[in-house]
């Protein structure tokens, strides 16, 4: 029982993941998706412009 309480105490004192890191990863993924969509859109526009 004492080991379980020690383990619980250790888990509660463990550093939490930083909210800034989590939002930074989300923003980076969002930026990558927007850039990919923009590149695909420009590619379609160029293709349609060449096709007439």
PDB file of N, CA and C in Angstrom:
ATOM      1  N   UNK A   1       0.820  -1.188   0.000  1.00  0.00           N
ATOM      2  CA  UNK A   1       0.000   0.000   0.000  1.00  0.00           C
ATOM      3  C   UNK A   1       0.866   1.254   0.000  1.00  0.00           C
ATOM      4  N   UNK A   2       1.949   1.197   0.759  1.00  0.00           N
ATOM      5  CA  UNK A   2       2.830   2.357   0.836  1.00  0.00           C
ATOM      6  C   UNK A   2       3.471   2.638  -0.526  1.00  0.00           C
ATOM      7  N   UNK A   3       3.827   1.580  -1.243  1.00  0.00           N
ATOM      8  CA  UNK A   3       4.415   1.764  -2.567  1.00  0.00           C
ATOM      9  C   UNK A   3       3.410   2.417  -3.520  1.00  0.00           C
ATOM     10  N   UNK A   4       2.163   2.047  -3.413  1.00  0.00           N
ATOM     11  CA  UNK A   4       1.131   2.639  -4.268  1.00  0.00           C
ATOM     12  C   UNK A   4       0.983   4.130  -3.982  1.00  0.00           C
ATOM     13  N   UNK A   5       1.021   4.493  -2.701  1.00  0.00           N
ATOM     14  CA  UNK A   5       0.903   5.906  -2.344  1.00  0.00           C
ATOM     15  C   UNK A   5       2.131   6.689  -2.793  1.00  0.00           C
ATOM     16  N   UNK A   6       3.303   6.092  -2.686  1.00  0.00           N
ATOM     17  CA  UNK A   6       4.523   6.744  -3.165  1.00  0.00           C
ATOM     18  C   UNK A   6       4.464   6.959  -4.678  1.00  0.00           C
ATOM     19  N   UNK A   7       3.956   5.959  -5.389  1.00  0.00           N
ATOM     20  CA  UNK A   7       3.831   6.065  -6.846  1.00  0.00           C
ATOM     21  C   UNK A   7       2.831   7.160  -7.217  1.00  0.00           C
ATOM     22  N   UNK A   8       1.730   7.228  -6.501  1.00  0.00           N
ATOM     23  CA  UNK A   8       0.724   8.259  -6.754  1.00  0.00           C
ATOM     24  C   UNK A   8       1.307   9.647  -6.498  1.00  0.00           C
ATOM     25  N   UNK A   9       2.058   9.792  -5.441  1.00  0.00           N
ATOM     26  CA  UNK A   9       2.691  11.070  -5.126  1.00  0.00           C
ATOM     27  C   UNK A   9       3.678  11.459  -6.205  1.00  0.00           C
ATOM     28  N   UNK A  10       4.437  10.498  -6.685  1.00  0.00           N
ATOM     29  CA  UNK A  10       5.418  10.771  -7.738  1.00  0.00           C
ATOM     30  C   UNK A  10       4.719  11.217  -9.022  1.00  0.00           C
ATOM     31  N   UNK A  11       3.607  10.575  -9.365  1.00  0.00           N
ATOM     32  CA  UNK A  11       2.879  10.945 -10.576  1.00  0.00           C
ATOM     33  C   UNK A  11       2.262  12.335 -10.473  1.00  0.00           C
ATOM     34  N   UNK A  12       1.766  12.668  -9.291  1.00  0.00           N
ATOM     35  CA  UNK A  12       1.155  13.980  -9.119  1.00  0.00           C
ATOM     36  C   UNK A  12       2.183  15.101  -9.134  1.00  0.00           C
ATOM     37  N   UNK A  13       3.405  14.805  -8.724  1.00  0.00           N
ATOM     38  CA  UNK A  13       4.462  15.814  -8.716  1.00  0.00           C
ATOM     39  C   UNK A  13       5.200  15.899 -10.046  1.00  0.00           C
ATOM     40  N   UNK A  14       4.921  14.998 -10.974  1.00  0.00           N
ATOM     41  CA  UNK A  14       5.603  14.997 -12.272  1.00  0.00           C
ATOM     42  C   UNK A  14       5.244  16.267 -13.033  1.00  0.00           C
ATOM     43  N   UNK A  15       6.199  16.806 -13.768  1.00  0.00           N
ATOM     44  CA  UNK A  15       5.893  18.031 -14.527  1.00  0.00           C
ATOM     45  C   UNK A  15       4.837  17.767 -15.596  1.00  0.00           C
ATOM     46  N   UNK A  16       3.903  18.679 -15.700  1.00  0.00           N
ATOM     47  CA  UNK A  16       2.836  18.554 -16.688  1.00  0.00           C
ATOM     48  C   UNK A  16       3.338  19.062 -18.035  1.00  0.00           C
ATOM     49  N   UNK A  17       2.728  18.567 -19.100  1.00  0.00           N
ATOM     50  CA  UNK A  17       3.099  19.064 -20.420  1.00  0.00           C
ATOM     51  C   UNK A  17       2.666  20.516 -20.536  1.00  0.00           C
ATOM     52  N   UNK A  18       3.516  21.303 -21.091  1.00  0.00           N
ATOM     53  CA  UNK A  18       3.265  22.730 -21.206  1.00  0.00           C
ATOM     54  C   UNK A  18       2.168  22.988 -22.244  1.00  0.00           C
ATOM     55  N   UNK A  19       1.224  23.809 -21.877  1.00  0.00           N
ATOM     56  CA  UNK A  19       0.124  24.139 -22.783  1.00  0.00           C
ATOM     57  C   UNK A  19       0.649  24.871 -24.012  1.00  0.00           C
ATOM     58  N   UNK A  20       1.717  25.646 -23.825  1.00  0.00           N
ATOM     59  CA  UNK A  20       2.322  26.375 -24.947  1.00  0.00           C
ATOM     60  C   UNK A  20       2.876  25.399 -25.980  1.00  0.00           C
ATOM     61  N   UNK A  21       3.514  24.328 -25.533  1.00  0.00           N
ATOM     62  CA  UNK A  21       4.038  23.326 -26.451  1.00  0.00           C
ATOM     63  C   UNK A  21       2.915  22.658 -27.226  1.00  0.00           C
ATOM     64  N   UNK A  22       1.833  22.366 -26.552  1.00  0.00           N
ATOM     65  CA  UNK A  22       0.689  21.713 -27.193  1.00  0.00           C
ATOM     66  C   UNK A  22       0.083  22.616 -28.258  1.00  0.00           C
ATOM     67  N   UNK A  23      -0.131  23.907 -27.926  1.00  0.00           N
ATOM     68  CA  UNK A  23      -0.699  24.846 -28.896  1.00  0.00           C
ATOM     69  C   UNK A  23       0.286  25.146 -30.012  1.00  0.00           C
ATOM     70  N   UNK A  24       1.585  25.120 -29.711  1.00  0.00           N
ATOM     71  CA  UNK A  24       2.597  25.342 -30.739  1.00  0.00           C
ATOM     72  C   UNK A  24       2.576  24.229 -31.775  1.00  0.00           C
ATOM     73  N   UNK A  25       2.433  23.001 -31.319  1.00  0.00           N
ATOM     74  CA  UNK A  25       2.350  21.873 -32.244  1.00  0.00           C
ATOM     75  C   UNK A  25       1.074  21.962 -33.076  1.00  0.00           C
ATOM     76  N   UNK A  26      -0.023  22.374 -32.449  1.00  0.00           N
ATOM     77  CA  UNK A  26      -1.291  22.531 -33.175  1.00  0.00           C
ATOM     78  C   UNK A  26      -1.168  23.615 -34.237  1.00  0.00           C
ATOM     79  N   UNK A  27      -0.559  24.740 -33.885  1.00  0.00           N
ATOM     80  CA  UNK A  27      -0.394  25.841 -34.842  1.00  0.00           C
ATOM     81  C   UNK A  27       0.518  25.441 -35.991  1.00  0.00           C
ATOM     82  N   UNK A  28       1.559  24.684 -35.701  1.00  0.00           N
ATOM     83  CA  UNK A  28       2.471  24.231 -36.746  1.00  0.00           C
ATOM     84  C   UNK A  28       1.764  23.283 -37.706  1.00  0.00           C
ATOM     85  N   UNK A  29       0.950  22.387 -37.195  1.00  0.00           N
ATOM     86  CA  UNK A  29       0.191  21.469 -38.046  1.00  0.00           C
ATOM     87  C   UNK A  29      -0.816  22.242 -38.895  1.00  0.00           C
ATOM     88  N   UNK A  30      -1.477  23.222 -38.299  1.00  0.00           N
ATOM     89  CA  UNK A  30      -2.435  24.036 -39.037  1.00  0.00           C
ATOM     90  C   UNK A  30      -1.739  24.811 -40.151  1.00  0.00           C
ATOM     91  N   UNK A  31      -0.592  25.367 -39.865  1.00  0.00           N
ATOM     92  CA  UNK A  31       0.170  26.104 -40.875  1.00  0.00           C
ATOM     93  C   UNK A  31       0.606  25.190 -42.012  1.00  0.00           C
ATOM     94  N   UNK A  32       1.018  23.978 -41.693  1.00  0.00           N
ATOM     95  CA  UNK A  32       1.410  23.020 -42.726  1.00  0.00           C
ATOM     96  C   UNK A  32       0.225  22.650 -43.609  1.00  0.00           C
ATOM     97  N   UNK A  33      -0.950  22.467 -43.010  1.00  0.00           N
ATOM     98  CA  UNK A  33      -2.145  22.137 -43.791  1.00  0.00           C
ATOM     99  C   UNK A  33      -2.549  23.297 -44.703  1.00  0.00           C
ATOM    100  N   UNK A  34      -2.459  24.506 -44.208  1.00  0.00           N
ATOM    101  CA  UNK A  34      -2.801  25.673 -45.019  1.00  0.00           C
ATOM    102  C   UNK A  34      -1.817  25.816 -46.176  1.00  0.00           C
ATOM    103  N   UNK A  35      -0.539  25.625 -45.911  1.00  0.00           N
ATOM    104  CA  UNK A  35       0.471  25.736 -46.966  1.00  0.00           C
ATOM    105  C   UNK A  35       0.265  24.665 -48.031  1.00  0.00           C
ATOM    106  N   UNK A  36      -0.070  23.459 -47.617  1.00  0.00           N
ATOM    107  CA  UNK A  36      -0.331  22.384 -48.578  1.00  0.00           C
ATOM    108  C   UNK A  36      -1.555  22.712 -49.427  1.00  0.00           C
ATOM    109  N   UNK A  37      -2.614  23.170 -48.804  1.00  0.00           N
ATOM    110  CA  UNK A  37      -3.817  23.548 -49.540  1.00  0.00           C
ATOM    111  C   UNK A  37      -3.558  24.680 -50.515  1.00  0.00           C
ATOM    112  N   UNK A  38      -2.756  25.655 -50.111  1.00  0.00           N
ATOM    113  CA  UNK A  38      -2.418  26.767 -50.986  1.00  0.00           C
ATOM    114  C   UNK A  38      -1.607  26.290 -52.186  1.00  0.00           C
ATOM    115  N   UNK A  39      -0.655  25.391 -51.959  1.00  0.00           N
ATOM    116  CA  UNK A  39       0.149  24.861 -53.054  1.00  0.00           C
ATOM    117  C   UNK A  39      -0.705  24.067 -54.042  1.00  0.00           C
ATOM    118  N   UNK A  40      -1.626  23.273 -53.530  1.00  0.00           N
ATOM    119  CA  UNK A  40      -2.514  22.498 -54.411  1.00  0.00           C
ATOM    120  C   UNK A  40      -3.422  23.446 -55.192  1.00  0.00           C
ATOM    121  N   UNK A  41      -3.959  24.458 -54.544  1.00  0.00           N
ATOM    122  CA  UNK A  41      -4.821  25.430 -55.218  1.00  0.00           C
ATOM    123  C   UNK A  41      -4.095  26.187 -56.317  1.00  0.00           C
ATOM    124  N   UNK A  42      -2.873  26.607 -56.050  1.00  0.00           N
ATOM    125  CA  UNK A  42      -2.077  27.300 -57.069  1.00  0.00           C
ATOM    126  C   UNK A  42      -1.771  26.358 -58.230  1.00  0.00           C
ATOM    127  N   UNK A  43      -1.494  25.096 -57.904  1.00  0.00           N
ATOM    128  CA  UNK A  43      -1.239  24.117 -58.961  1.00  0.00           C
ATOM    129  C   UNK A  43      -2.445  23.927 -59.863  1.00  0.00           C
ATOM    130  N   UNK A  44      -3.638  23.836 -59.289  1.00  0.00           N
ATOM    131  CA  UNK A  44      -4.859  23.724 -60.103  1.00  0.00           C
ATOM    132  C   UNK A  44      -5.079  24.969 -60.948  1.00  0.00           C
ATOM    133  N   UNK A  45      -4.841  26.138 -60.348  1.00  0.00           N
ATOM    134  CA  UNK A  45      -5.039  27.392 -61.079  1.00  0.00           C
ATOM    135  C   UNK A  45      -4.085  27.494 -62.258  1.00  0.00           C
ATOM    136  N   UNK A  46      -2.841  27.123 -62.070  1.00  0.00           N
ATOM    137  CA  UNK A  46      -1.864  27.162 -63.160  1.00  0.00           C
ATOM    138  C   UNK A  46      -2.259  26.157 -64.234  1.00  0.00           C
ATOM    139  N   UNK A  47      -2.663  24.967 -63.829  1.00  0.00           N
ATOM    140  CA  UNK A  47      -3.071  23.952 -64.782  1.00  0.00           C
ATOM    141  C   UNK A  47      -4.271  24.394 -65.607  1.00  0.00           C
ATOM    142  N   UNK A  48      -5.255  25.026 -64.961  1.00  0.00           N
ATOM    143  CA  UNK A  48      -6.434  25.507 -65.699  1.00  0.00           C
ATOM    144  C   UNK A  48      -6.060  26.664 -66.625  1.00  0.00           C
ATOM    145  N   UNK A  49      -5.125  27.518 -66.180  1.00  0.00           N
ATOM    146  CA  UNK A  49      -4.706  28.647 -66.999  1.00  0.00           C
ATOM    147  C   UNK A  49      -3.980  28.149 -68.253  1.00  0.00           C
ATOM    148  N   UNK A  50      -3.167  27.118 -68.098  1.00  0.00           N
ATOM    149  CA  UNK A  50      -2.448  26.560 -69.251  1.00  0.00           C
ATOM    150  C   UNK A  50      -3.427  25.864 -70.197  1.00  0.00           C
ATOM    151  N   UNK A  51      -4.422  25.170 -69.630  1.00  0.00           N
ATOM    152  CA  UNK A  51      -5.387  24.432 -70.448  1.00  0.00           C
ATOM    153  C   UNK A  51      -6.333  25.366 -71.200  1.00  0.00           C
ATOM    154  N   UNK A  52      -6.437  26.554 -70.731  1.00  0.00           N
ATOM    155  CA  UNK A  52      -7.250  27.514 -71.458  1.00  0.00           C
ATOM    156  C   UNK A  52      -8.541  27.746 -70.806  1.00  0.00           C
TER     157      UNK A  52
END
